[in-house]
Amino acid sequence: MARSPLEITGSFVAAINSRDLNILRSLMSDDHVFTDARGTKFFGADHMIENWKLFFRAFPQYWIHVDSNFASANHVALFGDVGGKWRVGGQVMPTAWKVTASWLAEIQGGRVRRWSIFCDTSWMNPPEPMRLPELTIVEA
């Protein structure tokens, strides 16, 4: 029995949350199109897997939480939150970010053909690392 578009997108989100690139790839059509929150489009599943590797490295502990969803034919809309941390200079920052987000997926042939995210992108700029003031050594 074929899986429903909601089941496929649920598996896609689970693969993102577990950072399982093999499952993620198996759920993408070869002509997969990812549109980020700034409107930039990325074409091709293999290209997108390389981008996910870089994204997971830059934003460790990335997660998606879906509060509600609905499907209409082969389109699925998801609503919830997304968050994670930043990696700056090879170090994971101690603070985390979280924003409200929505996603739109198009399912074709049992795979995700299009995946788009909609959210505020101000989180992409990590906070400045805390700098200690310069100390002056005073001899007593």
N, C-alpha and C. Protein backbone atom coordinates (compact mmCIF):
# COMPACT_ATOMS: atom_id res chain seq x y z
N MET A 1 0.84 -1.18 0.00
CA MET A 1 0.00 0.00 0.00
C MET A 1 0.88 1.25 0.00
N ALA A 2 0.57 2.19 -0.84
CA ALA A 2 1.37 3.41 -0.97
C ALA A 2 1.23 4.27 0.29
N ARG A 3 2.32 4.93 0.64
CA ARG A 3 2.31 5.82 1.80
C ARG A 3 1.67 7.15 1.41
N SER A 4 0.99 7.76 2.34
CA SER A 4 0.33 9.04 2.08
C SER A 4 1.36 10.17 2.06
N PRO A 5 1.03 11.28 1.42
CA PRO A 5 1.92 12.44 1.45
C PRO A 5 2.27 12.88 2.88
N LEU A 6 1.32 12.80 3.82
CA LEU A 6 1.61 13.16 5.22
C LEU A 6 2.64 12.20 5.83
N GLU A 7 2.51 10.92 5.53
CA GLU A 7 3.47 9.94 6.06
C GLU A 7 4.87 10.19 5.47
N ILE A 8 4.93 10.50 4.20
CA ILE A 8 6.23 10.74 3.55
C ILE A 8 6.89 11.98 4.13
N THR A 9 6.13 13.06 4.30
CA THR A 9 6.73 14.26 4.88
C THR A 9 7.11 14.04 6.34
N GLY A 10 6.33 13.23 7.06
CA GLY A 10 6.70 12.89 8.44
C GLY A 10 8.03 12.16 8.49
N SER A 11 8.23 11.24 7.56
CA SER A 11 9.51 10.51 7.48
C SER A 11 10.65 11.45 7.08
N PHE A 12 10.35 12.42 6.21
CA PHE A 12 11.35 13.39 5.77
C PHE A 12 11.82 14.24 6.95
N VAL A 13 10.87 14.72 7.75
CA VAL A 13 11.20 15.50 8.95
C VAL A 13 12.00 14.65 9.93
N ALA A 14 11.59 13.41 10.13
CA ALA A 14 12.32 12.51 11.04
C ALA A 14 13.75 12.29 10.56
N ALA A 15 13.96 12.17 9.25
CA ALA A 15 15.31 11.99 8.71
C ALA A 15 16.15 13.25 8.93
N ILE A 16 15.54 14.42 8.78
CA ILE A 16 16.26 15.66 9.06
C ILE A 16 16.64 15.71 10.53
N ASN A 17 15.69 15.43 11.41
CA ASN A 17 15.94 15.50 12.85
C ASN A 17 17.01 14.52 13.31
N SER A 18 17.10 13.38 12.65
CA SER A 18 18.13 12.40 13.02
C SER A 18 19.40 12.55 12.20
N ARG A 19 19.41 13.53 11.27
CA ARG A 19 20.54 13.80 10.39
C ARG A 19 20.94 12.55 9.60
N ASP A 20 19.94 11.77 9.21
CA ASP A 20 20.18 10.54 8.45
C ASP A 20 20.13 10.86 6.96
N LEU A 21 21.31 11.12 6.40
CA LEU A 21 21.40 11.53 5.00
C LEU A 21 20.98 10.43 4.03
N ASN A 22 21.18 9.17 4.40
CA ASN A 22 20.78 8.07 3.52
C ASN A 22 19.27 8.00 3.39
N ILE A 23 18.57 8.09 4.51
CA ILE A 23 17.11 8.07 4.45
C ILE A 23 16.61 9.34 3.77
N LEU A 24 17.21 10.47 4.11
CA LEU A 24 16.81 11.74 3.50
C LEU A 24 16.90 11.64 1.98
N ARG A 25 18.02 11.11 1.50
CA ARG A 25 18.21 10.97 0.04
C ARG A 25 17.18 10.02 -0.56
N SER A 26 16.88 8.93 0.15
CA SER A 26 15.92 7.95 -0.39
C SER A 26 14.51 8.54 -0.48
N LEU A 27 14.24 9.59 0.27
CA LEU A 27 12.93 10.22 0.26
C LEU A 27 12.82 11.37 -0.74
N MET A 28 13.95 11.74 -1.38
CA MET A 28 13.94 12.83 -2.37
C MET A 28 13.85 12.27 -3.78
N SER A 29 13.08 12.94 -4.62
CA SER A 29 13.11 12.60 -6.04
C SER A 29 14.44 13.09 -6.60
N ASP A 30 14.88 12.49 -7.70
CA ASP A 30 16.14 12.90 -8.30
C ASP A 30 16.13 14.37 -8.70
N ASP A 31 14.94 14.86 -9.10
CA ASP A 31 14.83 16.27 -9.51
C ASP A 31 14.34 17.16 -8.36
N HIS A 32 14.65 16.76 -7.14
CA HIS A 32 14.26 17.49 -5.93
C HIS A 32 14.66 18.97 -6.02
N VAL A 33 13.78 19.84 -5.53
CA VAL A 33 14.06 21.28 -5.47
C VAL A 33 13.82 21.73 -4.04
N PHE A 34 14.85 22.31 -3.44
CA PHE A 34 14.75 22.87 -2.10
C PHE A 34 14.76 24.39 -2.23
N THR A 35 13.81 25.05 -1.58
CA THR A 35 13.78 26.50 -1.55
C THR A 35 13.96 26.94 -0.10
N ASP A 36 15.02 27.71 0.15
CA ASP A 36 15.27 28.14 1.53
C ASP A 36 14.41 29.35 1.87
N ALA A 37 14.51 29.80 3.10
CA ALA A 37 13.65 30.88 3.60
C ALA A 37 13.96 32.23 2.97
N ARG A 38 15.09 32.32 2.29
CA ARG A 38 15.43 33.56 1.57
C ARG A 38 15.00 33.50 0.10
N GLY A 39 14.41 32.37 -0.29
CA GLY A 39 13.93 32.22 -1.66
C GLY A 39 14.94 31.62 -2.62
N THR A 40 16.10 31.21 -2.13
CA THR A 40 17.11 30.60 -2.99
C THR A 40 16.72 29.14 -3.26
N LYS A 41 16.81 28.75 -4.52
CA LYS A 41 16.46 27.39 -4.91
C LYS A 41 17.73 26.57 -5.15
N PHE A 42 17.66 25.32 -4.71
CA PHE A 42 18.74 24.37 -4.91
C PHE A 42 18.15 23.17 -5.66
N PHE A 43 18.80 22.76 -6.74
CA PHE A 43 18.25 21.74 -7.63
C PHE A 43 19.04 20.44 -7.56
N GLY A 44 18.31 19.33 -7.48
CA GLY A 44 18.91 18.00 -7.52
C GLY A 44 19.13 17.42 -6.13
N ALA A 45 18.70 16.18 -5.96
CA ALA A 45 18.80 15.52 -4.66
C ALA A 45 20.24 15.34 -4.20
N ASP A 46 21.12 14.92 -5.09
CA ASP A 46 22.52 14.70 -4.68
C ASP A 46 23.18 16.01 -4.27
N HIS A 47 22.90 17.07 -4.99
CA HIS A 47 23.41 18.40 -4.63
C HIS A 47 22.87 18.82 -3.26
N MET A 48 21.60 18.54 -3.02
CA MET A 48 20.99 18.94 -1.75
C MET A 48 21.55 18.14 -0.59
N ILE A 49 21.88 16.89 -0.80
CA ILE A 49 22.49 16.10 0.28
C ILE A 49 23.82 16.72 0.70
N GLU A 50 24.62 17.17 -0.27
CA GLU A 50 25.87 17.86 0.07
C GLU A 50 25.57 19.13 0.86
N ASN A 51 24.52 19.85 0.49
CA ASN A 51 24.14 21.05 1.23
C ASN A 51 23.67 20.73 2.65
N TRP A 52 22.92 19.63 2.81
CA TRP A 52 22.50 19.23 4.15
C TRP A 52 23.71 18.91 5.02
N LYS A 53 24.72 18.26 4.47
CA LYS A 53 25.94 17.97 5.24
C LYS A 53 26.54 19.26 5.77
N LEU A 54 26.67 20.26 4.90
CA LEU A 54 27.23 21.55 5.31
C LEU A 54 26.32 22.25 6.32
N PHE A 55 25.02 22.19 6.10
CA PHE A 55 24.07 22.83 7.00
C PHE A 55 24.13 22.21 8.39
N PHE A 56 24.13 20.87 8.47
CA PHE A 56 24.19 20.20 9.78
C PHE A 56 25.50 20.52 10.50
N ARG A 57 26.56 20.73 9.76
CA ARG A 57 27.86 21.10 10.37
C ARG A 57 27.79 22.54 10.90
N ALA A 58 27.22 23.45 10.13
CA ALA A 58 27.15 24.86 10.53
C ALA A 58 26.14 25.09 11.65
N PHE A 59 25.06 24.30 11.65
CA PHE A 59 23.99 24.49 12.63
C PHE A 59 23.74 23.17 13.38
N PRO A 60 24.66 22.82 14.29
CA PRO A 60 24.51 21.56 15.02
C PRO A 60 23.23 21.57 15.86
N GLN A 61 22.76 20.40 16.13
CA GLN A 61 21.55 20.19 16.92
C GLN A 61 20.31 20.80 16.26
N TYR A 62 20.36 20.95 14.93
CA TYR A 62 19.20 21.45 14.17
C TYR A 62 18.04 20.49 14.36
N TRP A 63 16.85 21.04 14.55
CA TRP A 63 15.66 20.23 14.72
C TRP A 63 14.45 20.93 14.14
N ILE A 64 13.45 20.12 13.81
CA ILE A 64 12.15 20.59 13.35
C ILE A 64 11.09 19.98 14.27
N HIS A 65 10.17 20.82 14.71
CA HIS A 65 9.01 20.34 15.48
C HIS A 65 7.75 20.80 14.75
N VAL A 66 6.91 19.85 14.39
CA VAL A 66 5.68 20.16 13.67
C VAL A 66 4.51 20.11 14.65
N ASP A 67 3.77 21.23 14.72
CA ASP A 67 2.58 21.30 15.58
C ASP A 67 1.32 20.88 14.84
N SER A 68 1.24 21.26 13.57
CA SER A 68 0.04 20.92 12.79
C SER A 68 0.40 20.80 11.32
N ASN A 69 -0.47 20.13 10.58
CA ASN A 69 -0.23 19.93 9.16
C ASN A 69 -1.54 19.66 8.46
N PHE A 70 -1.52 19.78 7.17
CA PHE A 70 -2.66 19.34 6.36
C PHE A 70 -2.16 19.01 4.97
N ALA A 71 -2.91 18.17 4.31
CA ALA A 71 -2.55 17.76 2.96
C ALA A 71 -3.72 18.02 2.02
N SER A 72 -3.36 18.38 0.80
CA SER A 72 -4.33 18.53 -0.27
C SER A 72 -3.71 17.88 -1.50
N ALA A 73 -4.28 16.75 -1.88
CA ALA A 73 -3.73 15.95 -2.98
C ALA A 73 -2.28 15.62 -2.68
N ASN A 74 -1.33 16.08 -3.51
CA ASN A 74 0.08 15.73 -3.30
C ASN A 74 0.88 16.86 -2.64
N HIS A 75 0.19 17.83 -2.06
CA HIS A 75 0.86 18.92 -1.35
C HIS A 75 0.60 18.81 0.15
N VAL A 76 1.64 19.09 0.94
CA VAL A 76 1.52 19.04 2.39
C VAL A 76 2.07 20.34 2.96
N ALA A 77 1.31 20.93 3.89
CA ALA A 77 1.76 22.12 4.60
C ALA A 77 2.01 21.72 6.05
N LEU A 78 3.13 22.16 6.58
CA LEU A 78 3.51 21.85 7.97
C LEU A 78 3.73 23.17 8.70
N PHE A 79 3.39 23.20 9.99
CA PHE A 79 3.54 24.41 10.79
C PHE A 79 4.14 24.03 12.14
N GLY A 80 5.13 24.82 12.58
CA GLY A 80 5.74 24.52 13.86
C GLY A 80 6.92 25.42 14.15
N ASP A 81 7.97 24.81 14.70
CA ASP A 81 9.18 25.53 15.08
C ASP A 81 10.40 24.81 14.54
N VAL A 82 11.47 25.56 14.42
CA VAL A 82 12.76 25.01 14.00
C VAL A 82 13.82 25.67 14.88
N GLY A 83 14.87 24.93 15.18
CA GLY A 83 15.92 25.51 16.03
C GLY A 83 17.20 24.73 15.94
N GLY A 84 18.17 25.18 16.70
CA GLY A 84 19.47 24.54 16.74
C GLY A 84 20.49 25.45 17.40
N LYS A 85 21.73 25.20 17.11
CA LYS A 85 22.84 26.01 17.62
C LYS A 85 23.68 26.46 16.44
N TRP A 86 24.70 27.26 16.71
CA TRP A 86 25.63 27.72 15.69
C TRP A 86 27.00 27.11 15.95
N ARG A 87 27.76 26.91 14.88
CA ARG A 87 29.17 26.55 15.00
C ARG A 87 29.95 27.76 14.48
N VAL A 88 30.78 28.33 15.34
CA VAL A 88 31.57 29.50 15.00
C VAL A 88 33.03 29.18 15.28
N GLY A 89 33.87 29.31 14.25
CA GLY A 89 35.30 29.03 14.43
C GLY A 89 35.56 27.63 14.94
N GLY A 90 34.74 26.68 14.52
CA GLY A 90 34.93 25.29 14.93
C GLY A 90 34.31 24.95 16.28
N GLN A 91 33.81 25.94 16.98
CA GLN A 91 33.22 25.71 18.30
C GLN A 91 31.71 25.87 18.25
N VAL A 92 31.00 24.99 18.95
CA VAL A 92 29.55 25.10 19.04
C VAL A 92 29.23 26.13 20.11
N MET A 93 28.45 27.13 19.73
CA MET A 93 28.05 28.18 20.67
C MET A 93 27.12 27.58 21.73
N PRO A 94 27.20 28.06 22.96
CA PRO A 94 26.36 27.49 24.03
C PRO A 94 24.89 27.88 23.90
N THR A 95 24.59 28.99 23.26
CA THR A 95 23.19 29.41 23.13
C THR A 95 22.56 28.75 21.92
N ALA A 96 21.25 28.69 21.94
CA ALA A 96 20.49 28.08 20.85
C ALA A 96 19.54 29.11 20.25
N TRP A 97 19.08 28.81 19.05
CA TRP A 97 18.09 29.65 18.39
C TRP A 97 16.85 28.82 18.10
N LYS A 98 15.71 29.51 18.00
CA LYS A 98 14.43 28.86 17.70
C LYS A 98 13.53 29.90 17.04
N VAL A 99 12.87 29.52 15.95
CA VAL A 99 11.91 30.40 15.28
C VAL A 99 10.70 29.59 14.83
N THR A 100 9.60 30.30 14.69
CA THR A 100 8.39 29.72 14.12
C THR A 100 8.63 29.52 12.62
N ALA A 101 8.16 28.40 12.10
CA ALA A 101 8.40 28.11 10.68
C ALA A 101 7.21 27.36 10.08
N SER A 102 7.16 27.38 8.77
CA SER A 102 6.21 26.54 8.04
C SER A 102 6.95 25.97 6.84
N TRP A 103 6.44 24.86 6.35
CA TRP A 103 7.05 24.18 5.22
C TRP A 103 5.96 23.80 4.23
N LEU A 104 6.32 23.75 2.99
CA LEU A 104 5.42 23.26 1.95
C LEU A 104 6.16 22.17 1.19
N ALA A 105 5.55 21.02 1.08
CA ALA A 105 6.15 19.89 0.37
C ALA A 105 5.25 19.47 -0.78
N GLU A 106 5.88 19.08 -1.87
CA GLU A 106 5.17 18.47 -2.99
C GLU A 106 5.68 17.05 -3.11
N ILE A 107 4.77 16.10 -3.08
CA ILE A 107 5.12 14.69 -3.15
C ILE A 107 4.78 14.17 -4.54
N GLN A 108 5.73 13.47 -5.13
CA GLN A 108 5.51 12.90 -6.46
C GLN A 108 6.18 11.52 -6.49
N GLY A 109 5.42 10.52 -6.88
CA GLY A 109 5.98 9.16 -6.97
C GLY A 109 6.47 8.64 -5.63
N GLY A 110 5.84 9.04 -4.54
CA GLY A 110 6.24 8.56 -3.22
C GLY A 110 7.48 9.23 -2.64
N ARG A 111 7.91 10.32 -3.27
CA ARG A 111 9.11 11.03 -2.79
C ARG A 111 8.84 12.53 -2.74
N VAL A 112 9.69 13.22 -1.98
CA VAL A 112 9.57 14.67 -1.87
C VAL A 112 10.22 15.30 -3.09
N ARG A 113 9.41 15.91 -3.93
CA ARG A 113 9.92 16.58 -5.13
C ARG A 113 10.31 18.01 -4.81
N ARG A 114 9.51 18.68 -4.00
CA ARG A 114 9.80 20.07 -3.60
C ARG A 114 9.68 20.20 -2.10
N TRP A 115 10.60 20.94 -1.50
CA TRP A 115 10.59 21.21 -0.06
C TRP A 115 10.96 22.68 0.12
N SER A 116 10.04 23.43 0.71
CA SER A 116 10.27 24.86 0.93
C SER A 116 10.05 25.18 2.40
N ILE A 117 10.90 26.05 2.93
CA ILE A 117 10.75 26.51 4.31
C ILE A 117 10.47 28.01 4.30
N PHE A 118 9.63 28.43 5.24
CA PHE A 118 9.27 29.83 5.39
C PHE A 118 9.47 30.20 6.85
N CYS A 119 10.40 31.13 7.12
CA CYS A 119 10.65 31.58 8.49
C CYS A 119 11.49 32.84 8.46
N ASP A 120 11.56 33.49 9.61
CA ASP A 120 12.45 34.63 9.80
C ASP A 120 13.88 34.09 9.70
N THR A 121 14.77 34.79 9.01
CA THR A 121 16.14 34.29 8.85
C THR A 121 17.17 35.05 9.69
N SER A 122 16.71 35.91 10.59
CA SER A 122 17.67 36.66 11.40
C SER A 122 18.49 35.74 12.31
N TRP A 123 17.99 34.54 12.60
CA TRP A 123 18.72 33.59 13.43
C TRP A 123 20.01 33.10 12.78
N MET A 124 20.14 33.27 11.48
CA MET A 124 21.30 32.72 10.78
C MET A 124 22.60 33.41 11.18
N ASN A 125 22.51 34.59 11.75
CA ASN A 125 23.71 35.30 12.20
C ASN A 125 23.92 35.03 13.68
N PRO A 126 24.96 34.29 14.02
CA PRO A 126 25.17 33.95 15.43
C PRO A 126 25.52 35.19 16.24
N PRO A 127 25.26 35.12 17.53
CA PRO A 127 25.66 36.24 18.39
C PRO A 127 27.19 36.34 18.40
N GLU A 128 27.66 37.52 18.63
CA GLU A 128 29.11 37.71 18.73
C GLU A 128 29.63 36.94 19.93
N PRO A 129 30.76 36.28 19.78
CA PRO A 129 31.34 35.62 20.95
C PRO A 129 31.64 36.67 22.02
N MET A 130 31.40 36.30 23.25
CA MET A 130 31.64 37.23 24.35
C MET A 130 33.13 37.54 24.44
N ARG A 131 33.45 38.79 24.46
CA ARG A 131 34.86 39.20 24.56
C ARG A 131 35.10 39.80 25.94
N LEU A 132 36.15 39.36 26.55
CA LEU A 132 36.52 39.91 27.85
C LEU A 132 37.21 41.26 27.64
N PRO A 133 36.96 42.19 28.56
CA PRO A 133 37.66 43.48 28.42
C PRO A 133 39.15 43.28 28.63
N GLU A 134 39.91 44.14 27.99
CA GLU A 134 41.36 44.05 28.19
C GLU A 134 41.68 44.45 29.61
N LEU A 135 42.53 43.69 30.25
CA LEU A 135 42.91 43.97 31.62
C LEU A 135 44.27 44.65 31.64
N THR A 136 44.39 45.58 32.52
CA THR A 136 45.67 46.24 32.71
C THR A 136 46.31 45.69 33.97
N ILE A 137 47.53 45.28 33.84
CA ILE A 137 48.23 44.72 35.00
C ILE A 137 48.82 45.88 35.79
N VAL A 138 48.42 45.94 37.03
CA VAL A 138 48.93 47.00 37.93
C VAL A 138 49.74 46.30 39.02
N GLU A 139 50.97 46.72 39.16
CA GLU A 139 51.80 46.12 40.19
C GLU A 139 51.60 46.89 41.48
N ALA A 140 51.49 46.15 42.54
CA ALA A 140 51.29 46.79 43.85
C ALA A 140 52.60 47.00 44.57
